[in-house]
Amino acid sequence: MRKKSILLSFIICMFMFIGSVNAESSITCTPTNAYIGDQITCSIKTDEPVEVSSKLDVVAGDTTLTKDGNIVYKASAEGTYDIIIKTIDPGYTNTVKVQVRAQTTTTRTTTTTTKAKSDNNYLSTITINGEEIDDFSRGASKYFVEVENDVTKVTLNAKAEDENAKVEIDGPSSLQVGDNEYTISVTSENDTTKFYKVIVTRLDEEESSNTRIKNIKIKGYRFNFDRNSKTFYLNIDKEDTELDIMVTLSDDSSSYEIEGNENLEDGSVIKIIVTAEDGNTDTYRIIIEKKDTNYVPFIIAGIIILIIVGLVIFFVIRKNKKKKEEGKKTKEKEARSKKTPNKPEVKEKDYQEEKTIEMPAISGESTESDVTSEDLPEDEDDFDVPLIDNDEEEETRILSYAEREELERTKALNDDDIGSVIDEELEKKLSSNDDDEEEYY
C-alpha cells in the first residue's frame, strides 16, 4: 500500500511539473489578421530554451530564446501561416495562426487591387576584403570570421537581392584583439528591415592553434568538402592506386602531411594530419570506395565491330572474285575471236555426216547411192577423203568373183552377141545419167 501511495504521488508531481512548464512558455502575436506588407510582432515568454518556427520571413529577433523576447515577421504573400513555439525539454508546443490577405480598395462600381511594394530585404552576398564569406545563406543572419593578429582592418561589403533595397553597414573602423561586431541592415522597398551580423575575431599574438582545413581538392574527382566534417567518403576508379590531393589550410602557419595514399583498395583510409603553429594536431580522414567496372558494354561493342568488319571483308572478297571471273571470261572470248576470226563454226553433227558419204562403186554401173562431185564438200581440206579416179582403178584393182564370171561369159560370146551386150550397157548408162540429171535438178 505504501508503494502505491509513493507511485501516485510521483505521477501527480509529474503532471504538476508539466503544467508549470506549459504555463511558463507562451507566445502572443499581433495582428493575427494582416495584409501583405504588414509586420507581425510575436511576444514570447519563457524561463527555459525554446525554438520558434514559421514560414513567414523574420525581420528582427532570434528564433532560439532562453528568456523573454520578441520576434518580428513580415507578411509577404497571401495565406494562413502557423507560428509554432516549442520547448526543447520536455517538448511542449503551442501554435498561433496568422491570416494574410491582399490589400483592396472598394468603390461603388469597381474593386481595385493595389500592388504592394517589394518586401525583399535579403542579401545576396557578403564579402570581407574582397572574399565571400564561407557558407553564406540568405536566411542566416549571423556569421563568424577569424583573422590573424597582424590584420588590423577589414573592408566589409554586402549586396542586396533587390536593387531597390537599401544596405547600410555599421561597425568598428579598426579591429581589436578578440571579437569585433559588424551590423548590416537591409531595408526593402516597403520599408521593412532585416539585420545581418558579422563577428570578426582578431586572434591574439600568441602562437596559433588553428588546425582547420579551408578546402580539399582531388585531381580527376569531384570532392565535396564540408568544413564541419572530418570524415569523408570518396568513390574512385578500380585501377587507381594513388590520388593527387591538394589541401588548402585556414592558417598559413600550420602544416599538414598525408598518410595512406598508396596501394589504395576498397576500404582504404587516407589520413590528412594538420599541425598548428603551437603543435596542436588534428586528423581528417578520406575513406576509399572502389566501383566495379562494367565491361559488358565494351564486349557488346567489340562484337558488333567484328561483325561489321567481317561483313565488309566478305563482300569485298566476293566482289573481287566476281571481277576476276568476268575478266577471265572476257580474255578467253577475245582469244577465241583472234584465233578463228572469219571461220564459221562447224557443228559436230554436220561434220560426221560429211565424213560418212558413200563412195561410188568401182564398176561402171551407177546405183542410187552413187556420189557425184556436187555431193562432195567444196573444201577438200575439211576431211581426208581422197578422190578416186575410176578409170585408173578399173585396170589395177582386183576383180570380184561376180565380175570375173561376167568377164568369162563376155569372152565366150561372138561378135554379134558382144555388140548387142554393149548396146544394152550403153542404154543403161544413158538412162542412168538421165535419172541422175533429173534428180540433180
Protein backbone atom coordinates (compact mmCIF):
# COMPACT_ATOMS: atom_id res chain seq x y z
CA MET A 1 0.00 0.00 0.00
CA ARG A 2 2.85 2.30 0.78
CA LYS A 3 4.41 1.65 -2.65
CA LYS A 4 1.17 2.56 -4.40
CA SER A 5 1.00 5.85 -2.49
CA ILE A 6 4.54 6.73 -3.48
CA LEU A 7 3.84 5.95 -7.17
CA LEU A 8 0.64 8.03 -7.12
CA SER A 9 2.49 10.94 -5.57
CA PHE A 10 5.20 10.71 -8.22
CA ILE A 11 2.63 10.80 -11.05
CA ILE A 12 0.88 13.83 -9.51
CA CYS A 13 4.21 15.65 -9.25
CA MET A 14 4.99 14.93 -12.91
CA PHE A 15 1.70 16.40 -14.05
CA MET A 16 2.24 19.45 -11.88
CA PHE A 17 5.72 19.88 -13.37
CA ILE A 18 4.42 19.66 -16.95
CA GLY A 19 1.66 22.11 -16.15
CA SER A 20 4.13 24.56 -14.70
CA VAL A 21 6.34 24.26 -17.82
CA ASN A 22 3.41 24.83 -20.11
CA ALA A 23 2.40 27.85 -18.10
CA GLU A 24 5.87 29.33 -18.19
CA SER A 25 6.27 29.20 -22.04
CA SER A 26 3.77 31.15 -24.15
CA ILE A 27 3.53 33.14 -27.40
CA THR A 28 1.24 36.00 -28.42
CA CYS A 29 1.19 37.50 -31.96
CA THR A 30 -0.44 40.68 -33.27
CA PRO A 31 -2.10 41.17 -35.63
CA THR A 32 -3.41 37.68 -36.47
CA ASN A 33 -5.27 39.10 -39.50
CA ALA A 34 -2.77 41.04 -41.59
CA TYR A 35 -2.32 42.36 -45.11
CA ILE A 36 0.60 41.79 -47.47
CA GLY A 37 3.46 44.03 -46.38
CA ASP A 38 2.39 44.24 -42.71
CA GLN A 39 4.72 43.32 -39.87
CA ILE A 40 3.59 40.79 -37.27
CA THR A 41 5.11 41.02 -33.77
CA CYS A 42 5.19 37.92 -31.60
CA SER A 43 5.92 38.17 -27.86
CA ILE A 44 7.49 35.10 -26.26
CA LYS A 45 7.56 34.47 -22.52
CA THR A 46 9.68 31.61 -21.26
CA ASP A 47 12.00 30.54 -18.46
CA GLU A 48 13.64 27.74 -20.46
CA PRO A 49 15.13 27.33 -24.00
CA VAL A 50 12.51 27.45 -26.76
CA GLU A 51 12.52 27.43 -30.58
CA VAL A 52 10.10 29.44 -32.70
CA SER A 53 9.43 28.40 -36.31
CA SER A 54 7.26 29.76 -39.15
CA LYS A 55 7.20 30.10 -42.93
CA LEU A 56 6.91 33.88 -42.53
CA ASP A 57 10.06 35.93 -43.13
CA VAL A 58 11.90 37.02 -39.96
CA VAL A 59 12.58 40.78 -39.88
CA ALA A 60 14.08 41.07 -36.41
CA GLY A 61 14.77 38.89 -33.39
CA ASP A 62 16.21 35.41 -32.84
CA THR A 63 14.17 32.24 -33.30
CA THR A 64 16.00 30.50 -30.45
CA LEU A 65 15.35 32.05 -27.00
CA THR A 66 16.31 31.26 -23.43
CA LYS A 67 14.29 34.09 -21.91
CA ASP A 68 11.50 36.52 -22.83
CA GLY A 69 11.85 38.21 -26.21
CA ASN A 70 10.15 39.46 -29.37
CA ILE A 71 10.27 38.30 -32.99
CA VAL A 72 9.06 40.47 -35.87
CA TYR A 73 7.73 38.68 -39.02
CA LYS A 74 6.90 40.10 -42.46
CA ALA A 75 3.69 39.14 -44.31
CA SER A 76 4.97 38.60 -47.86
CA ALA A 77 2.21 36.56 -49.53
CA GLU A 78 -1.42 35.59 -49.02
CA GLY A 79 -2.22 32.51 -46.96
CA THR A 80 -2.61 31.06 -43.49
CA TYR A 81 0.65 30.73 -41.54
CA ASP A 82 1.49 28.86 -38.33
CA ILE A 83 3.87 30.36 -35.76
CA ILE A 84 4.99 27.49 -33.51
CA ILE A 85 6.79 27.71 -30.18
CA LYS A 86 8.45 24.53 -28.90
CA THR A 87 10.33 23.87 -25.68
CA ILE A 88 13.47 21.82 -26.08
CA ASP A 89 12.70 19.75 -22.99
CA PRO A 90 10.19 18.11 -22.48
CA GLY A 91 8.88 19.04 -25.98
CA TYR A 92 5.85 21.27 -25.28
CA THR A 93 4.47 23.09 -28.36
CA ASN A 94 1.99 25.91 -28.93
CA THR A 95 0.75 27.31 -32.25
CA VAL A 96 -0.60 30.70 -33.30
CA LYS A 97 -2.33 31.03 -36.71
CA VAL A 98 -1.98 34.22 -38.76
CA GLN A 99 -4.15 35.05 -41.81
CA VAL A 100 -2.52 37.22 -44.53
CA ARG A 101 -4.62 38.87 -47.29
CA ALA A 102 -4.05 41.28 -50.16
CA GLN A 103 -4.97 44.93 -49.67
CA THR A 104 -8.02 46.03 -51.71
CA THR A 105 -9.87 49.35 -52.25
CA THR A 106 -13.61 49.08 -52.89
CA THR A 107 -15.88 51.70 -54.54
CA ARG A 108 -19.46 51.52 -55.67
CA THR A 109 -18.73 50.13 -59.11
CA THR A 110 -15.19 48.65 -59.11
CA THR A 111 -12.73 46.82 -56.87
CA THR A 112 -9.12 47.85 -57.29
CA THR A 113 -6.21 45.71 -56.09
CA THR A 114 -3.18 47.78 -55.14
CA LYS A 115 0.12 46.10 -55.92
CA ALA A 116 2.29 46.04 -52.81
CA LYS A 117 5.82 47.33 -52.93
CA SER A 118 8.64 44.86 -52.83
CA ASP A 119 9.36 43.45 -49.40
CA ASN A 120 12.62 41.72 -50.39
CA ASN A 121 15.15 42.62 -47.73
CA TYR A 122 17.59 39.74 -48.24
CA LEU A 123 21.30 39.93 -49.04
CA SER A 124 22.79 38.03 -51.97
CA THR A 125 26.47 38.19 -50.85
CA ILE A 126 28.74 39.38 -48.04
CA THR A 127 32.46 39.91 -48.72
CA ILE A 128 35.40 40.66 -46.40
CA ASN A 129 38.48 42.11 -48.07
CA GLY A 130 37.10 41.03 -51.45
CA GLU A 131 36.44 37.36 -50.49
CA GLU A 132 32.95 35.96 -50.00
CA ILE A 133 32.02 34.67 -46.54
CA ASP A 134 32.07 30.88 -46.41
CA ASP A 135 28.69 29.07 -46.34
CA PHE A 136 26.67 32.25 -46.90
CA SER A 137 22.88 31.76 -46.90
CA ARG A 138 20.25 34.46 -47.38
CA GLY A 139 18.25 33.16 -44.44
CA ALA A 140 21.15 33.01 -41.93
CA SER A 141 21.57 36.24 -40.03
CA LYS A 142 24.87 35.68 -38.12
CA TYR A 143 28.40 34.85 -39.36
CA PHE A 144 31.78 34.36 -37.69
CA VAL A 145 35.15 35.15 -39.27
CA GLU A 146 38.67 34.79 -37.83
CA VAL A 147 41.67 36.84 -38.90
CA GLU A 148 45.30 36.75 -37.87
CA ASN A 149 46.72 39.09 -35.25
CA ASP A 150 48.53 41.19 -37.86
CA VAL A 151 45.19 42.12 -39.52
CA THR A 152 44.07 45.42 -38.01
CA LYS A 153 41.39 46.46 -40.51
CA VAL A 154 38.85 44.78 -42.79
CA THR A 155 36.67 46.02 -45.64
CA LEU A 156 33.14 44.66 -45.36
CA ASN A 157 30.73 44.82 -48.32
CA ALA A 158 27.20 43.48 -48.83
CA LYS A 159 24.85 43.30 -51.83
CA ALA A 160 21.03 43.11 -51.65
CA GLU A 161 18.95 40.75 -53.81
CA ASP A 162 16.52 43.56 -54.70
CA GLU A 163 18.13 46.55 -56.38
CA ASN A 164 15.51 48.81 -54.77
CA ALA A 165 16.55 47.74 -51.24
CA LYS A 166 18.89 49.90 -49.12
CA VAL A 167 22.01 48.38 -47.48
CA GLU A 168 23.82 50.00 -44.53
CA ILE A 169 26.89 48.67 -42.65
CA ASP A 170 27.83 49.71 -39.15
CA GLY A 171 30.93 48.55 -37.28
CA PRO A 172 34.42 49.46 -35.96
CA SER A 173 36.92 51.09 -38.28
CA SER A 174 39.81 49.04 -36.84
CA LEU A 175 39.99 45.62 -35.28
CA GLN A 176 40.72 44.99 -31.63
CA VAL A 177 42.07 41.68 -30.38
CA GLY A 178 39.04 39.48 -29.87
CA ASP A 179 35.51 39.84 -31.28
CA ASN A 180 34.53 42.82 -33.47
CA GLU A 181 30.83 43.01 -34.39
CA TYR A 182 29.51 44.48 -37.67
CA THR A 183 25.78 45.03 -38.32
CA ILE A 184 24.32 45.04 -41.85
CA SER A 185 20.77 46.41 -42.23
CA VAL A 186 18.76 45.75 -45.40
CA THR A 187 15.63 47.94 -45.88
CA SER A 188 13.18 46.79 -48.57
CA GLU A 189 11.13 48.99 -50.91
CA ASN A 190 8.17 48.90 -48.48
CA ASP A 191 10.41 49.95 -45.57
CA THR A 192 10.83 46.62 -43.82
CA THR A 193 14.29 45.97 -42.41
CA LYS A 194 16.30 42.78 -41.93
CA PHE A 195 19.55 42.68 -39.93
CA TYR A 196 22.68 40.59 -40.50
CA LYS A 197 25.58 40.35 -38.05
CA VAL A 198 29.22 39.58 -38.90
CA ILE A 199 31.57 38.95 -35.98
CA VAL A 200 35.24 39.29 -36.93
CA THR A 201 37.61 37.73 -34.38
CA ARG A 202 41.18 39.01 -34.37
CA LEU A 203 43.49 36.37 -32.88
CA ASP A 204 45.94 37.08 -30.07
CA GLU A 205 49.66 37.43 -30.61
CA GLU A 206 50.43 34.03 -29.13
CA GLU A 207 51.07 31.07 -31.44
CA SER A 208 48.10 29.94 -33.47
CA SER A 209 46.37 26.67 -32.65
CA ASN A 210 44.40 26.68 -35.90
CA THR A 211 44.28 23.17 -37.40
CA ARG A 212 41.34 23.79 -39.70
CA ILE A 213 41.39 22.95 -43.41
CA LYS A 214 39.95 25.50 -45.80
CA ASN A 215 39.48 23.20 -48.81
CA ILE A 216 40.48 19.81 -50.26
CA LYS A 217 40.67 19.10 -53.99
CA ILE A 218 41.42 15.73 -55.63
CA LYS A 219 42.52 15.69 -59.26
CA GLY A 220 40.12 13.81 -61.52
CA TYR A 221 37.33 13.66 -58.96
CA ARG A 222 34.58 15.93 -57.67
CA PHE A 223 35.23 16.05 -53.94
CA ASN A 224 32.56 17.71 -51.77
CA PHE A 225 34.48 19.24 -48.87
CA ASP A 226 32.50 20.15 -45.75
CA ARG A 227 34.25 22.37 -43.17
CA ASN A 228 32.10 20.94 -40.40
CA SER A 229 33.16 17.34 -41.03
CA LYS A 230 36.45 15.49 -40.61
CA THR A 231 35.47 12.19 -42.27
CA PHE A 232 34.72 11.90 -45.98
CA TYR A 233 33.87 9.10 -48.41
CA LEU A 234 35.22 9.01 -51.98
CA ASN A 235 34.33 6.50 -54.71
CA ILE A 236 37.31 6.08 -57.07
CA ASP A 237 38.06 4.06 -60.20
CA LYS A 238 39.13 0.46 -59.68
CA GLU A 239 42.51 0.93 -61.41
CA ASP A 240 43.56 3.98 -59.33
CA THR A 241 46.00 3.12 -56.55
CA GLU A 242 47.07 6.69 -55.60
CA LEU A 243 45.38 10.10 -55.61
CA ASP A 244 46.64 13.62 -56.34
CA ILE A 245 45.40 15.52 -53.25
CA MET A 246 45.64 19.32 -52.84
CA VAL A 247 45.00 20.75 -49.35
CA THR A 248 44.43 24.43 -48.51
CA LEU A 249 44.85 25.30 -44.81
CA SER A 250 42.96 28.06 -43.00
CA ASP A 251 46.17 29.22 -41.27
CA ASP A 252 49.35 29.68 -43.27
CA SER A 253 51.44 29.00 -40.16
CA SER A 254 50.11 25.42 -39.86
CA SER A 255 51.30 22.42 -41.87
CA TYR A 256 49.99 19.02 -42.95
CA GLU A 257 51.07 15.57 -44.11
CA ILE A 258 49.19 12.79 -45.94
CA GLU A 259 49.32 9.14 -44.90
CA GLY A 260 47.89 6.01 -46.54
CA ASN A 261 47.77 7.40 -50.08
CA GLU A 262 49.33 4.33 -51.72
CA ASN A 263 48.13 0.91 -52.88
CA LEU A 264 44.55 2.08 -52.46
CA GLU A 265 41.88 -0.60 -52.15
CA ASP A 266 38.21 -0.68 -51.22
CA GLY A 267 38.08 0.42 -47.57
CA SER A 268 41.49 2.14 -47.51
CA VAL A 269 41.74 5.25 -45.29
CA ILE A 270 43.76 8.32 -46.30
CA LYS A 271 44.73 10.50 -43.33
CA ILE A 272 45.46 14.24 -43.58
CA ILE A 273 47.22 15.25 -40.35
CA VAL A 274 47.25 19.05 -39.74
CA THR A 275 49.76 20.52 -37.24
CA ALA A 276 49.10 24.04 -35.91
CA GLU A 277 51.77 26.59 -35.09
CA ASP A 278 51.59 25.72 -31.38
CA GLY A 279 51.98 21.98 -32.10
CA ASN A 280 48.32 21.10 -31.79
CA THR A 281 47.28 18.40 -34.31
CA ASP A 282 44.06 17.27 -35.90
CA THR A 283 43.30 14.42 -38.36
CA TYR A 284 40.97 14.39 -41.36
CA ARG A 285 40.08 11.04 -42.98
CA ILE A 286 39.08 10.08 -46.53
CA ILE A 287 37.59 6.56 -46.74
CA ILE A 288 38.05 4.98 -50.19
CA GLU A 289 35.33 3.07 -52.03
CA LYS A 290 36.13 1.39 -55.34
CA LYS A 291 33.49 0.96 -58.01
CA ASP A 292 33.45 -2.10 -60.26
CA THR A 293 33.98 -1.52 -63.96
CA ASN A 294 31.17 -2.81 -66.17
CA TYR A 295 32.78 -4.46 -69.19
CA VAL A 296 29.53 -5.69 -70.78
CA PRO A 297 29.03 -2.56 -72.97
CA PHE A 298 32.63 -2.82 -74.22
CA ILE A 299 32.22 -6.54 -75.08
CA ILE A 300 28.98 -5.90 -76.97
CA ALA A 301 30.56 -3.01 -78.87
CA GLY A 302 33.55 -5.19 -79.79
CA ILE A 303 31.31 -7.99 -81.11
CA ILE A 304 29.32 -5.53 -83.23
CA ILE A 305 32.53 -4.06 -84.68
CA LEU A 306 33.86 -7.55 -85.52
CA ILE A 307 30.59 -8.47 -87.28
CA ILE A 308 30.66 -5.27 -89.33
CA VAL A 309 34.33 -5.76 -90.30
CA GLY A 310 33.64 -9.41 -91.24
CA LEU A 311 30.72 -8.44 -93.48
CA VAL A 312 32.79 -5.74 -95.20
CA ILE A 313 35.66 -8.19 -95.86
CA PHE A 314 33.22 -10.85 -97.16
CA PHE A 315 31.57 -8.50 -99.67
CA VAL A 316 34.94 -7.08 -100.82
CA ILE A 317 36.34 -10.59 -101.46
CA ARG A 318 33.17 -11.62 -103.26
CA LYS A 319 33.24 -8.53 -105.44
CA ASN A 320 36.91 -9.02 -106.34
CA LYS A 321 36.32 -12.71 -107.18
CA LYS A 322 33.42 -11.81 -109.45
CA LYS A 323 35.56 -9.22 -111.24
CA LYS A 324 38.34 -11.81 -111.78
CA GLU A 325 35.89 -14.35 -113.26
CA GLU A 326 34.40 -11.76 -115.60
CA GLY A 327 37.90 -10.69 -116.69
CA LYS A 328 38.91 -14.30 -117.32
CA LYS A 329 35.82 -14.96 -119.48
CA THR A 330 36.46 -11.76 -121.44
CA LYS A 331 40.08 -12.78 -122.12
CA GLU A 332 39.03 -16.29 -123.29
CA LYS A 333 36.44 -14.82 -125.61
CA GLU A 334 38.98 -12.38 -127.09
CA ALA A 335 41.49 -15.22 -127.56
CA ARG A 336 38.95 -17.36 -129.46
CA SER A 337 37.92 -14.47 -131.67
CA LYS A 338 41.59 -13.77 -132.58
CA LYS A 339 42.31 -17.46 -133.36
CA THR A 340 39.35 -18.01 -135.80
CA PRO A 341 38.18 -14.54 -136.81
CA ASN A 342 36.17 -15.34 -140.02
CA LYS A 343 35.77 -19.14 -139.98
CA PRO A 344 32.21 -20.20 -139.27
CA GLU A 345 31.60 -22.80 -136.64
CA VAL A 346 31.17 -26.35 -137.92
CA LYS A 347 28.71 -28.41 -135.97
CA GLU A 348 29.88 -31.87 -134.91
CA LYS A 349 26.81 -33.48 -136.41
CA ASP A 350 27.31 -31.92 -139.88
CA TYR A 351 30.98 -32.95 -139.82
CA GLN A 352 30.11 -36.57 -139.09
CA GLU A 353 27.56 -36.58 -141.89
CA GLU A 354 30.20 -35.27 -144.29
CA LYS A 355 32.61 -37.97 -143.13
CA THR A 356 30.13 -40.80 -143.85
CA ILE A 357 29.37 -40.04 -147.53
CA GLU A 358 29.18 -43.31 -149.51
CA MET A 359 31.65 -43.70 -152.38
CA PRO A 360 30.50 -44.89 -155.87
CA ALA A 361 31.01 -48.47 -156.89
CA ILE A 362 34.13 -49.34 -158.83
CA SER A 363 32.25 -50.85 -161.72
CA GLY A 364 30.88 -48.76 -164.50
CA GLU A 365 27.30 -49.30 -163.28
CA SER A 366 25.68 -46.45 -161.37
CA THR A 367 23.41 -47.06 -158.34
CA GLU A 368 21.09 -44.88 -156.27
CA SER A 369 23.89 -44.41 -153.73
CA ASP A 370 26.46 -43.16 -156.30
CA VAL A 371 28.09 -39.92 -155.23
CA THR A 372 28.57 -37.05 -157.68
CA SER A 373 31.06 -34.24 -157.45
CA GLU A 374 28.29 -31.99 -156.22
CA ASP A 375 27.81 -34.22 -153.16
CA LEU A 376 31.41 -33.69 -152.08
CA PRO A 377 32.41 -30.78 -149.88
CA GLU A 378 33.70 -27.67 -151.62
CA ASP A 379 36.80 -27.59 -149.43
CA GLU A 380 38.76 -30.81 -149.71
CA ASP A 381 40.87 -29.86 -146.71
CA ASP A 382 37.90 -30.26 -144.34
CA PHE A 383 38.46 -34.03 -144.15
CA ASP A 384 40.98 -36.53 -145.52
CA VAL A 385 38.90 -38.40 -148.12
CA PRO A 386 40.87 -38.95 -151.34
CA LEU A 387 39.05 -38.75 -154.70
CA ILE A 388 39.43 -41.96 -156.74
CA ASP A 389 39.89 -41.97 -160.50
CA ASN A 390 37.59 -44.82 -161.63
CA ASP A 391 39.38 -45.30 -164.98
CA GLU A 392 42.74 -45.92 -163.34
CA GLU A 393 41.28 -48.18 -160.71
CA GLU A 394 39.50 -50.30 -163.30
CA GLU A 395 42.87 -51.50 -164.52
CA THR A 396 44.59 -52.07 -161.23
CA ARG A 397 42.01 -53.24 -158.71
CA ILE A 398 41.27 -56.95 -158.03
CA LEU A 399 38.03 -58.17 -159.66
CA SER A 400 35.31 -59.66 -157.56
CA TYR A 401 34.02 -63.20 -158.13
CA ALA A 402 30.86 -61.96 -159.94
CA GLU A 403 32.88 -59.66 -162.14
CA ARG A 404 35.24 -62.48 -163.12
CA GLU A 405 32.27 -64.69 -164.16
CA GLU A 406 30.82 -61.83 -166.15
CA LEU A 407 34.17 -61.34 -167.89
CA GLU A 408 34.44 -65.04 -168.80
CA ARG A 409 30.90 -65.01 -170.13
CA THR A 410 31.68 -62.00 -172.26
CA LYS A 411 34.73 -63.65 -173.78
CA ALA A 412 32.62 -66.67 -174.83
CA LEU A 413 30.18 -64.55 -176.81
CA ASN A 414 30.63 -63.93 -180.56
CA ASP A 415 30.92 -60.53 -182.08
CA ASP A 416 27.20 -60.10 -182.63
CA ASP A 417 26.44 -61.03 -179.08
CA ILE A 418 29.12 -58.66 -177.87
CA GLY A 419 27.69 -55.81 -179.86
CA SER A 420 24.19 -56.38 -178.50
CA VAL A 421 25.56 -56.53 -174.96
CA ILE A 422 27.47 -53.27 -175.50
CA ASP A 423 24.31 -51.62 -176.83
CA GLU A 424 22.36 -52.73 -173.75
CA GLU A 425 25.05 -51.44 -171.47
CA LEU A 426 25.14 -48.06 -173.28
CA GLU A 427 21.36 -47.68 -172.98
CA LYS A 428 21.55 -48.49 -169.25
CA LYS A 429 24.31 -45.99 -168.87
CA LEU A 430 22.44 -43.27 -170.72
CA SER A 431 19.22 -43.92 -168.79
CA SER A 432 21.19 -43.84 -165.55
CA ASN A 433 22.74 -40.47 -166.44
CA ASP A 434 19.32 -39.07 -167.35
CA ASP A 435 17.96 -40.13 -163.97
CA ASP A 436 20.90 -38.56 -162.23
CA GLU A 437 20.41 -35.27 -164.04
CA GLU A 438 16.70 -35.19 -163.21
CA GLU A 439 17.49 -35.99 -159.59
CA TYR A 440 20.12 -33.22 -159.53
CA TYR A 441 17.71 -30.68 -160.84
